[in-house]
PDB file of N, CA and C in Angstrom:
ATOM      1  N   MET A   1      71.942 173.792  51.747  1.00  0.00           N
ATOM      2  CA  MET A   1      72.298 172.419  52.050  1.00  0.00           C
ATOM      3  C   MET A   1      73.752 172.371  52.495  1.00  0.00           C
ATOM      4  N   ILE A   2      73.996 171.622  53.567  1.00  0.00           N
ATOM      5  CA  ILE A   2      75.345 171.442  54.067  1.00  0.00           C
ATOM      6  C   ILE A   2      75.952 170.252  53.350  1.00  0.00           C
ATOM      7  N   ALA A   3      77.189 170.421  52.920  1.00  0.00           N
ATOM      8  CA  ALA A   3      77.864 169.363  52.172  1.00  0.00           C
ATOM      9  C   ALA A   3      78.067 168.142  53.065  1.00  0.00           C
ATOM     10  N   GLY A   4      77.829 166.953  52.517  1.00  0.00           N
ATOM     11  CA  GLY A   4      78.065 165.717  53.235  1.00  0.00           C
ATOM     12  C   GLY A   4      76.872 165.214  54.028  1.00  0.00           C
ATOM     13  N   ARG A   5      75.773 165.942  54.036  1.00  0.00           N
ATOM     14  CA  ARG A   5      74.606 165.507  54.791  1.00  0.00           C
ATOM     15  C   ARG A   5      73.405 165.507  53.869  1.00  0.00           C
ATOM     16  N   PRO A   6      72.632 164.417  53.820  1.00  0.00           N
ATOM     17  CA  PRO A   6      71.462 164.390  52.947  1.00  0.00           C
ATOM     18  C   PRO A   6      70.419 165.411  53.410  1.00  0.00           C
ATOM     19  N   PRO A   7      69.698 165.998  52.486  1.00  0.00           N
ATOM     20  CA  PRO A   7      68.695 166.985  52.861  1.00  0.00           C
ATOM     21  C   PRO A   7      67.550 166.326  53.629  1.00  0.00           C
ATOM     22  N   GLY A   8      67.000 167.066  54.577  1.00  0.00           N
ATOM     23  CA  GLY A   8      65.852 166.586  55.323  1.00  0.00           C
ATOM     24  C   GLY A   8      66.194 165.766  56.560  1.00  0.00           C
ATOM     25  N   ARG A   9      67.442 165.466  56.773  1.00  0.00           N
ATOM     26  CA  ARG A   9      67.832 164.710  57.963  1.00  0.00           C
ATOM     27  C   ARG A   9      68.452 165.658  58.975  1.00  0.00           C
ATOM     28  N   PRO A  10      67.973 165.628  60.202  1.00  0.00           N
ATOM     29  CA  PRO A  10      68.563 166.507  61.206  1.00  0.00           C
ATOM     30  C   PRO A  10      69.978 166.036  61.570  1.00  0.00           C
ATOM     31  N   GLN A  11      70.795 166.996  61.915  1.00  0.00           N
ATOM     32  CA  GLN A  11      72.163 166.659  62.279  1.00  0.00           C
ATOM     33  C   GLN A  11      72.176 166.112  63.701  1.00  0.00           C
ATOM     34  N   ARG A  12      72.880 165.025  63.882  1.00  0.00           N
ATOM     35  CA  ARG A  12      72.998 164.419  65.206  1.00  0.00           C
ATOM     36  C   ARG A  12      74.132 165.082  65.962  1.00  0.00           C
ATOM     37  N   THR A  13      73.855 165.369  67.203  1.00  0.00           N
ATOM     38  CA  THR A  13      74.914 165.886  68.056  1.00  0.00           C
ATOM     39  C   THR A  13      75.271 164.814  69.067  1.00  0.00           C
ATOM     40  N   PRO A  14      76.543 164.649  69.334  1.00  0.00           N
ATOM     41  CA  PRO A  14      76.921 163.620  70.299  1.00  0.00           C
ATOM     42  C   PRO A  14      76.403 163.975  71.687  1.00  0.00           C
ATOM     43  N   ASP A  15      75.841 162.990  72.369  1.00  0.00           N
ATOM     44  CA  ASP A  15      75.295 163.185  73.706  1.00  0.00           C
ATOM     45  C   ASP A  15      75.978 162.204  74.647  1.00  0.00           C
ATOM     46  N   PRO A  16      77.102 162.612  75.253  1.00  0.00           N
ATOM     47  CA  PRO A  16      77.826 161.669  76.106  1.00  0.00           C
ATOM     48  C   PRO A  16      77.009 161.226  77.314  1.00  0.00           C
ATOM     49  N   GLU A  17      76.163 162.093  77.858  1.00  0.00           N
ATOM     50  CA  GLU A  17      75.344 161.719  79.015  1.00  0.00           C
ATOM     51  C   GLU A  17      74.312 160.669  78.623  1.00  0.00           C
ATOM     52  N   GLY A  18      73.695 160.831  77.472  1.00  0.00           N
ATOM     53  CA  GLY A  18      72.686 159.878  77.006  1.00  0.00           C
ATOM     54  C   GLY A  18      73.283 158.536  76.649  1.00  0.00           C
ATOM     55  N   SER A  19      74.489 158.531  76.082  1.00  0.00           N
ATOM     56  CA  SER A  19      75.094 157.261  75.697  1.00  0.00           C
ATOM     57  C   SER A  19      75.504 156.455  76.930  1.00  0.00           C
ATOM     58  N   SER A  20      75.959 157.112  77.983  1.00  0.00           N
ATOM     59  CA  SER A  20      76.313 156.365  79.189  1.00  0.00           C
ATOM     60  C   SER A  20      75.052 155.790  79.846  1.00  0.00           C
ATOM     61  N   GLU A  21      73.952 156.541  79.790  1.00  0.00           N
ATOM     62  CA  GLU A  21      72.679 156.041  80.314  1.00  0.00           C
ATOM     63  C   GLU A  21      72.206 154.840  79.496  1.00  0.00           C
ATOM     64  N   ARG A  22      72.362 154.936  78.193  1.00  0.00           N
ATOM     65  CA  ARG A  22      71.967 153.838  77.311  1.00  0.00           C
ATOM     66  C   ARG A  22      72.803 152.595  77.593  1.00  0.00           C
ATOM     67  N   GLN A  23      74.093 152.768  77.781  1.00  0.00           N
ATOM     68  CA  GLN A  23      74.961 151.641  78.088  1.00  0.00           C
ATOM     69  C   GLN A  23      74.583 151.013  79.427  1.00  0.00           C
ATOM     70  N   ARG A  24      74.229 151.833  80.410  1.00  0.00           N
ATOM     71  CA  ARG A  24      73.823 151.321  81.719  1.00  0.00           C
ATOM     72  C   ARG A  24      72.549 150.485  81.590  1.00  0.00           C
ATOM     73  N   VAL A  25      71.585 150.980  80.810  1.00  0.00           N
ATOM     74  CA  VAL A  25      70.326 150.255  80.617  1.00  0.00           C
ATOM     75  C   VAL A  25      70.582 148.930  79.907  1.00  0.00           C
ATOM     76  N   ILE A  26      71.414 148.940  78.881  1.00  0.00           N
ATOM     77  CA  ILE A  26      71.734 147.714  78.149  1.00  0.00           C
ATOM     78  C   ILE A  26      72.427 146.718  79.063  1.00  0.00           C
ATOM     79  N   ARG A  27      73.322 147.194  79.909  1.00  0.00           N
ATOM     80  CA  ARG A  27      74.027 146.328  80.848  1.00  0.00           C
ATOM     81  C   ARG A  27      73.046 145.698  81.842  1.00  0.00           C
ATOM     82  N   GLU A  28      72.114 146.487  82.359  1.00  0.00           N
ATOM     83  CA  GLU A  28      71.138 145.959  83.312  1.00  0.00           C
ATOM     84  C   GLU A  28      70.177 144.970  82.645  1.00  0.00           C
ATOM     85  N   VAL A  29      69.745 145.272  81.432  1.00  0.00           N
ATOM     86  CA  VAL A  29      68.862 144.339  80.713  1.00  0.00           C
ATOM     87  C   VAL A  29      69.585 143.011  80.505  1.00  0.00           C
ATOM     88  N   GLY A  30      70.850 143.084  80.148  1.00  0.00           N
ATOM     89  CA  GLY A  30      71.633 141.861  79.971  1.00  0.00           C
ATOM     90  C   GLY A  30      71.768 141.067  81.258  1.00  0.00           C
ATOM     91  N   ARG A  31      71.991 141.782  82.365  1.00  0.00           N
ATOM     92  CA  ARG A  31      72.135 141.107  83.665  1.00  0.00           C
ATOM     93  C   ARG A  31      70.842 140.383  84.035  1.00  0.00           C
ATOM     94  N   TYR A  32      69.711 141.065  83.918  1.00  0.00           N
ATOM     95  CA  TYR A  32      68.437 140.450  84.319  1.00  0.00           C
ATOM     96  C   TYR A  32      67.991 139.371  83.342  1.00  0.00           C
ATOM     97  N   THR A  33      68.306 139.527  82.076  1.00  0.00           N
ATOM     98  CA  THR A  33      68.003 138.483  81.106  1.00  0.00           C
ATOM     99  C   THR A  33      68.818 137.236  81.414  1.00  0.00           C
ATOM    100  N   GLY A  34      70.074 137.434  81.769  1.00  0.00           N
ATOM    101  CA  GLY A  34      70.927 136.312  82.144  1.00  0.00           C
ATOM    102  C   GLY A  34      70.414 135.586  83.371  1.00  0.00           C
ATOM    103  N   LEU A  35      69.927 136.337  84.351  1.00  0.00           N
ATOM    104  CA  LEU A  35      69.373 135.707  85.550  1.00  0.00           C
ATOM    105  C   LEU A  35      68.130 134.879  85.215  1.00  0.00           C
ATOM    106  N   GLY A  36      67.270 135.409  84.366  1.00  0.00           N
ATOM    107  CA  GLY A  36      66.068 134.671  83.968  1.00  0.00           C
ATOM    108  C   GLY A  36      66.404 133.410  83.190  1.00  0.00           C
ATOM    109  N   LEU A  37      67.372 133.519  82.295  1.00  0.00           N
ATOM    110  CA  LEU A  37      67.780 132.343  81.531  1.00  0.00           C
ATOM    111  C   LEU A  37      68.434 131.301  82.427  1.00  0.00           C
ATOM    112  N   THR A  38      69.202 131.749  83.403  1.00  0.00           N
ATOM    113  CA  THR A  38      69.823 130.817  84.338  1.00  0.00           C
ATOM    114  C   THR A  38      68.765 130.022  85.079  1.00  0.00           C
ATOM    115  N   TRP A  39      67.709 130.702  85.539  1.00  0.00           N
ATOM    116  CA  TRP A  39      66.644 129.997  86.242  1.00  0.00           C
ATOM    117  C   TRP A  39      65.960 128.993  85.314  1.00  0.00           C
ATOM    118  N   ALA A  40      65.591 129.430  84.120  1.00  0.00           N
ATOM    119  CA  ALA A  40      64.867 128.552  83.191  1.00  0.00           C
ATOM    120  C   ALA A  40      65.711 127.347  82.790  1.00  0.00           C
ATOM    121  N   LEU A  41      66.987 127.576  82.523  1.00  0.00           N
ATOM    122  CA  LEU A  41      67.841 126.462  82.102  1.00  0.00           C
ATOM    123  C   LEU A  41      68.133 125.496  83.247  1.00  0.00           C
ATOM    124  N   SER A  42      68.203 125.991  84.470  1.00  0.00           N
ATOM    125  CA  SER A  42      68.416 125.065  85.593  1.00  0.00           C
ATOM    126  C   SER A  42      67.190 124.175  85.788  1.00  0.00           C
ATOM    127  N   VAL A  43      65.997 124.734  85.641  1.00  0.00           N
ATOM    128  CA  VAL A  43      64.773 123.916  85.731  1.00  0.00           C
ATOM    129  C   VAL A  43      64.779 122.871  84.621  1.00  0.00           C
ATOM    130  N   LEU A  44      65.067 123.288  83.406  1.00  0.00           N
ATOM    131  CA  LEU A  44      65.069 122.361  82.274  1.00  0.00           C
ATOM    132  C   LEU A  44      66.117 121.271  82.447  1.00  0.00           C
ATOM    133  N   PHE A  45      67.309 121.653  82.880  1.00  0.00           N
ATOM    134  CA  PHE A  45      68.396 120.694  83.053  1.00  0.00           C
ATOM    135  C   PHE A  45      68.029 119.618  84.068  1.00  0.00           C
ATOM    136  N   PHE A  46      67.553 120.033  85.243  1.00  0.00           N
ATOM    137  CA  PHE A  46      67.215 119.053  86.271  1.00  0.00           C
ATOM    138  C   PHE A  46      65.963 118.255  85.904  1.00  0.00           C
ATOM    139  N   LEU A  47      65.046 118.862  85.187  1.00  0.00           N
ATOM    140  CA  LEU A  47      63.870 118.140  84.711  1.00  0.00           C
ATOM    141  C   LEU A  47      64.287 117.014  83.766  1.00  0.00           C
ATOM    142  N   LEU A  48      65.204 117.322  82.857  1.00  0.00           N
ATOM    143  CA  LEU A  48      65.670 116.304  81.907  1.00  0.00           C
ATOM    144  C   LEU A  48      66.466 115.205  82.601  1.00  0.00           C
ATOM    145  N   ILE A  49      67.261 115.580  83.598  1.00  0.00           N
ATOM    146  CA  ILE A  49      67.980 114.553  84.357  1.00  0.00           C
ATOM    147  C   ILE A  49      66.984 113.645  85.076  1.00  0.00           C
ATOM    148  N   GLY A  50      65.955 114.221  85.682  1.00  0.00           N
ATOM    149  CA  GLY A  50      64.925 113.425  86.348  1.00  0.00           C
ATOM    150  C   GLY A  50      64.198 112.512  85.379  1.00  0.00           C
ATOM    151  N   TYR A  51      63.909 113.023  84.194  1.00  0.00           N
ATOM    152  CA  TYR A  51      63.227 112.218  83.181  1.00  0.00           C
ATOM    153  C   TYR A  51      64.108 111.049  82.740  1.00  0.00           C
ATOM    154  N   TRP A  52      65.393 111.339  82.552  1.00  0.00           N
ATOM    155  CA  TRP A  52      66.321 110.284  82.144  1.00  0.00           C
ATOM    156  C   TRP A  52      66.424 109.215  83.233  1.00  0.00           C
ATOM    157  N   LEU A  53      66.540 109.656  84.491  1.00  0.00           N
ATOM    158  CA  LEU A  53      66.606 108.696  85.588  1.00  0.00           C
ATOM    159  C   LEU A  53      65.311 107.894  85.715  1.00  0.00           C
ATOM    160  N   ASP A  54      64.180 108.543  85.472  1.00  0.00           N
ATOM    161  CA  ASP A  54      62.902 107.826  85.485  1.00  0.00           C
ATOM    162  C   ASP A  54      62.882 106.732  84.433  1.00  0.00           C
ATOM    163  N   GLY A  55      63.425 107.022  83.257  1.00  0.00           N
ATOM    164  CA  GLY A  55      63.483 106.019  82.198  1.00  0.00           C
ATOM    165  C   GLY A  55      64.361 104.836  82.579  1.00  0.00           C
ATOM    166  N   LYS A  56      65.469 105.122  83.253  1.00  0.00           N
ATOM    167  CA  LYS A  56      66.386 104.043  83.659  1.00  0.00           C
ATOM    168  C   LYS A  56      65.819 103.209  84.808  1.00  0.00           C
ATOM    169  N   LEU A  57      65.148 103.873  85.752  1.00  0.00           N
ATOM    170  CA  LEU A  57      64.679 103.186  86.953  1.00  0.00           C
ATOM    171  C   LEU A  57      63.210 102.775  86.891  1.00  0.00           C
ATOM    172  N   GLY A  58      62.477 103.262  85.894  1.00  0.00           N
ATOM    173  CA  GLY A  58      61.065 102.916  85.755  1.00  0.00           C
ATOM    174  C   GLY A  58      60.182 103.552  86.814  1.00  0.00           C
ATOM    175  N   THR A  59      60.507 104.741  87.233  1.00  0.00           N
ATOM    176  CA  THR A  59      59.739 105.408  88.293  1.00  0.00           C
ATOM    177  C   THR A  59      58.981 106.626  87.773  1.00  0.00           C
ATOM    178  N   LEU A  60      58.711 106.661  86.479  1.00  0.00           N
ATOM    179  CA  LEU A  60      58.051 107.817  85.866  1.00  0.00           C
ATOM    180  C   LEU A  60      56.765 108.152  86.595  1.00  0.00           C
ATOM    181  N   PRO A  61      56.468 109.292  86.969  1.00  0.00           N
ATOM    182  CA  PRO A  61      56.986 110.646  86.768  1.00  0.00           C
ATOM    183  C   PRO A  61      57.695 111.235  87.986  1.00  0.00           C
ATOM    184  N   TRP A  62      58.000 110.408  89.009  1.00  0.00           N
ATOM    185  CA  TRP A  62      58.434 110.956  90.291  1.00  0.00           C
ATOM    186  C   TRP A  62      59.774 111.673  90.238  1.00  0.00           C
ATOM    187  N   LEU A  63      60.756 111.120  89.590  1.00  0.00           N
ATOM    188  CA  LEU A  63      62.051 111.802  89.526  1.00  0.00           C
ATOM    189  C   LEU A  63      62.016 112.994  88.580  1.00  0.00           C
ATOM    190  N   THR A  64      61.143 112.962  87.593  1.00  0.00           N
ATOM    191  CA  THR A  64      60.968 114.121  86.719  1.00  0.00           C
ATOM    192  C   THR A  64      60.420 115.299  87.525  1.00  0.00           C
ATOM    193  N   ILE A  65      59.424 115.026  88.341  1.00  0.00           N
ATOM    194  CA  ILE A  65      58.843 116.083  89.187  1.00  0.00           C
ATOM    195  C   ILE A  65      59.871 116.574  90.203  1.00  0.00           C
ATOM    196  N   ALA A  66      60.588 115.633  90.828  1.00  0.00           N
ATOM    197  CA  ALA A  66      61.612 116.019  91.803  1.00  0.00           C
ATOM    198  C   ALA A  66      62.706 116.844  91.142  1.00  0.00           C
ATOM    199  N   GLY A  67      63.085 116.461  89.939  1.00  0.00           N
ATOM    200  CA  GLY A  67      64.106 117.218  89.210  1.00  0.00           C
ATOM    201  C   GLY A  67      63.638 118.626  88.878  1.00  0.00           C
ATOM    202  N   ALA A  68      62.379 118.762  88.491  1.00  0.00           N
ATOM    203  CA  ALA A  68      61.837 120.088  88.190  1.00  0.00           C
ATOM    204  C   ALA A  68      61.852 120.970  89.434  1.00  0.00           C
ATOM    205  N   PHE A  69      61.450 120.399  90.576  1.00  0.00           N
ATOM    206  CA  PHE A  69      61.461 121.176  91.818  1.00  0.00           C
ATOM    207  C   PHE A  69      62.883 121.509  92.269  1.00  0.00           C
ATOM    208  N   ALA A  70      63.790 120.558  92.111  1.00  0.00           N
ATOM    209  CA  ALA A  70      65.187 120.816  92.484  1.00  0.00           C
ATOM    210  C   ALA A  70      65.783 121.909  91.599  1.00  0.00           C
ATOM    211  N   GLY A  71      65.496 121.861  90.308  1.00  0.00           N
ATOM    212  CA  GLY A  71      65.985 122.901  89.400  1.00  0.00           C
ATOM    213  C   GLY A  71      65.386 124.256  89.710  1.00  0.00           C
ATOM    214  N   ALA A  72      64.097 124.277  90.041  1.00  0.00           N
ATOM    215  CA  ALA A  72      63.448 125.540  90.390  1.00  0.00           C
ATOM    216  C   ALA A  72      64.034 126.111  91.672  1.00  0.00           C
ATOM    217  N   ALA A  73      64.274 125.254  92.668  1.00  0.00           N
ATOM    218  CA  ALA A  73      64.852 125.729  93.927  1.00  0.00           C
ATOM    219  C   ALA A  73      66.255 126.279  93.710  1.00  0.00           C
ATOM    220  N   GLY A  74      67.074 125.535  92.992  1.00  0.00           N
ATOM    221  CA  GLY A  74      68.427 126.013  92.699  1.00  0.00           C
ATOM    222  C   GLY A  74      68.414 127.286  91.872  1.00  0.00           C
ATOM    223  N   GLY A  75      67.505 127.351  90.913  1.00  0.00           N
ATOM    224  CA  GLY A  75      67.375 128.554  90.090  1.00  0.00           C
ATOM    225  C   GLY A  75      66.945 129.761  90.896  1.00  0.00           C
ATOM    226  N   PHE A  76      66.017 129.558  91.832  1.00  0.00           N
ATOM    227  CA  PHE A  76      65.574 130.666  92.676  1.00  0.00           C
ATOM    228  C   PHE A  76      66.676 131.159  93.601  1.00  0.00           C
ATOM    229  N   VAL A  77      67.490 130.240  94.112  1.00  0.00           N
ATOM    230  CA  VAL A  77      68.612 130.654  94.955  1.00  0.00           C
ATOM    231  C   VAL A  77      69.582 131.511  94.139  1.00  0.00           C
ATOM    232  N   THR A  78      69.906 131.061  92.938  1.00  0.00           N
ATOM    233  CA  THR A  78      70.791 131.828  92.067  1.00  0.00           C
ATOM    234  C   THR A  78      70.167 133.168  91.699  1.00  0.00           C
ATOM    235  N   LEU A  79      68.889 133.163  91.403  1.00  0.00           N
ATOM    236  CA  LEU A  79      68.180 134.395  91.063  1.00  0.00           C
ATOM    237  C   LEU A  79      68.195 135.371  92.238  1.00  0.00           C
ATOM    238  N   TYR A  80      67.920 134.882  93.435  1.00  0.00           N
ATOM    239  CA  TYR A  80      67.914 135.733  94.624  1.00  0.00           C
ATOM    240  C   TYR A  80      69.298 136.334  94.872  1.00  0.00           C
ATOM    241  N   ARG A  81      70.319 135.507  94.784  1.00  0.00           N
ATOM    242  CA  ARG A  81      71.684 136.005  94.996  1.00  0.00           C
ATOM    243  C   ARG A  81      72.061 137.049  93.949  1.00  0.00           C
ATOM    244  N   GLY A  82      71.678 136.811  92.713  1.00  0.00           N
ATOM    245  CA  GLY A  82      71.980 137.775  91.655  1.00  0.00           C
ATOM    246  C   GLY A  82      71.254 139.093  91.845  1.00  0.00           C
ATOM    247  N   LEU A  83      69.989 139.016  92.255  1.00  0.00           N
ATOM    248  CA  LEU A  83      69.216 140.245  92.460  1.00  0.00           C
ATOM    249  C   LEU A  83      69.706 141.034  93.663  1.00  0.00           C
ATOM    250  N   THR A  84      70.055 140.340  94.745  1.00  0.00           N
ATOM    251  CA  THR A  84      70.560 141.066  95.912  1.00  0.00           C
ATOM    252  C   THR A  84      71.931 141.663  95.635  1.00  0.00           C
ATOM    253  N   ALA A  85      72.758 140.976  94.867  1.00  0.00           N
ATOM    254  CA  ALA A  85      74.062 141.537  94.497  1.00  0.00           C
ATOM    255  C   ALA A  85      73.880 142.752  93.601  1.00  0.00           C
ATOM    256  N   ALA A  86      72.914 142.695  92.682  1.00  0.00           N
ATOM    257  CA  ALA A  86      72.651 143.834  91.802  1.00  0.00           C
ATOM    258  C   ALA A  86      72.127 145.018  92.599  1.00  0.00           C
ATOM    259  N   GLU A  87      71.290 144.747  93.591  1.00  0.00           N
ATOM    260  CA  GLU A  87      70.742 145.817  94.429  1.00  0.00           C
ATOM    261  C   GLU A  87      71.838 146.460  95.269  1.00  0.00           C
ATOM    262  N   LYS A  88      72.732 145.642  95.816  1.00  0.00           N
ATOM    263  CA  LYS A  88      73.850 146.197  96.589  1.00  0.00           C
ATOM    264  C   LYS A  88      74.747 147.046  95.701  1.00  0.00           C
ATOM    265  N   GLY A  89      74.994 146.580  94.482  1.00  0.00           N
ATOM    266  CA  GLY A  89      75.817 147.347  93.543  1.00  0.00           C
ATOM    267  C   GLY A  89      75.154 148.650  93.146  1.00  0.00           C
ATOM    268  N   ALA A  90      73.831 148.632  92.976  1.00  0.00           N
ATOM    269  CA  ALA A  90      73.105 149.840  92.595  1.00  0.00           C
ATOM    270  C   ALA A  90      73.113 150.850  93.733  1.00  0.00           C
ATOM    271  N   SER A  91      72.957 150.381  94.973  1.00  0.00           N
ATOM    272  CA  SER A  91      72.946 151.313  96.097  1.00  0.00           C
ATOM    273  C   SER A  91      74.341 151.894  96.329  1.00  0.00           C
ATOM    274  N   LYS A  92      75.389 151.126  96.110  1.00  0.00           N
ATOM    275  CA  LYS A  92      76.749 151.662  96.223  1.00  0.00           C
ATOM    276  C   LYS A  92      77.011 152.697  95.138  1.00  0.00           C
ATOM    277  N   GLY A  93      76.522 152.414  93.932  1.00  0.00           N
ATOM    278  CA  GLY A  93      76.709 153.356  92.828  1.00  0.00           C
ATOM    279  C   GLY A  93      75.989 154.662  93.069  1.00  0.00           C
ATOM    280  N   LYS A  94      74.787 154.614  93.653  1.00  0.00           N
ATOM    281  CA  LYS A  94      74.030 155.833  93.936  1.00  0.00           C
ATOM    282  C   LYS A  94      74.725 156.665  95.003  1.00  0.00           C
ATOM    283  N   ARG A  95      75.244 156.007  96.046  1.00  0.00           N
ATOM    284  CA  ARG A  95      75.949 156.742  97.091  1.00  0.00           C
ATOM    285  C   ARG A  95      77.212 157.383  96.534  1.00  0.00           C
ATOM    286  N   GLY A  96      77.899 156.667  95.669  1.00  0.00           N
ATOM    287  CA  GLY A  96      79.126 157.199  95.082  1.00  0.00           C
ATOM    288  C   GLY A  96      78.848 158.404  94.206  1.00  0.00           C
ATOM    289  N   ARG A  97      77.734 158.396  93.468  1.00  0.00           N
ATOM    290  CA  ARG A  97      77.390 159.532  92.619  1.00  0.00           C
ATOM    291  C   ARG A  97      77.015 160.742  93.442  1.00  0.00           C
ATOM    292  N   ARG A  98      76.331 160.542  94.565  1.00  0.00           N
ATOM    293  CA  ARG A  98      75.954 161.675  95.406  1.00  0.00           C
ATOM    294  C   ARG A  98      77.186 162.374  95.961  1.00  0.00           C
ATOM    295  N   VAL A  99      78.155 161.588  96.381  1.00  0.00           N
ATOM    296  CA  VAL A  99      79.382 162.178  96.900  1.00  0.00           C
ATOM    297  C   VAL A  99      80.126 162.898  95.789  1.00  0.00           C
ATOM    298  N   ALA A 100      80.150 162.321  94.601  1.00  0.00           N
ATOM    299  CA  ALA A 100      80.855 162.940  93.482  1.00  0.00           C
ATOM    300  C   ALA A 100      80.163 164.220  93.026  1.00  0.00           C
ATOM    301  N   ASP A 101      78.831 164.306  93.186  1.00  0.00           N
ATOM    302  CA  ASP A 101      78.105 165.493  92.744  1.00  0.00           C
ATOM    303  C   ASP A 101      78.340 166.689  93.651  1.00  0.00           C
ATOM    304  N   ARG A 102      78.762 166.476  94.874  1.00  0.00           N
ATOM    305  CA  ARG A 102      78.951 167.563  95.825  1.00  0.00           C
ATOM    306  C   ARG A 102      80.106 168.435  95.485  1.00  0.00           C
TER     307      ARG A 102
END
């Protein structure tokens, strides 16, 4: 038995390559989760504004529906811009790694 380590547990060796990969995956999951939440919250926000305006103007359900569509359209634009920016960043990163590997 090695002092300081409980029996039966394998010793962990630091893996700098694996940790950077793990950090990259966590960063990407966070980015895409943020994009999805942005879309969902924009739909909800505009839907609620439409509902509130419908209550004030007595036009239920037309402004609620319009608000939902406006939020979805705005959310999709933001989602598209975020995804294309992420794709451009990923392609730049891949090209940079190829040059560095040479």
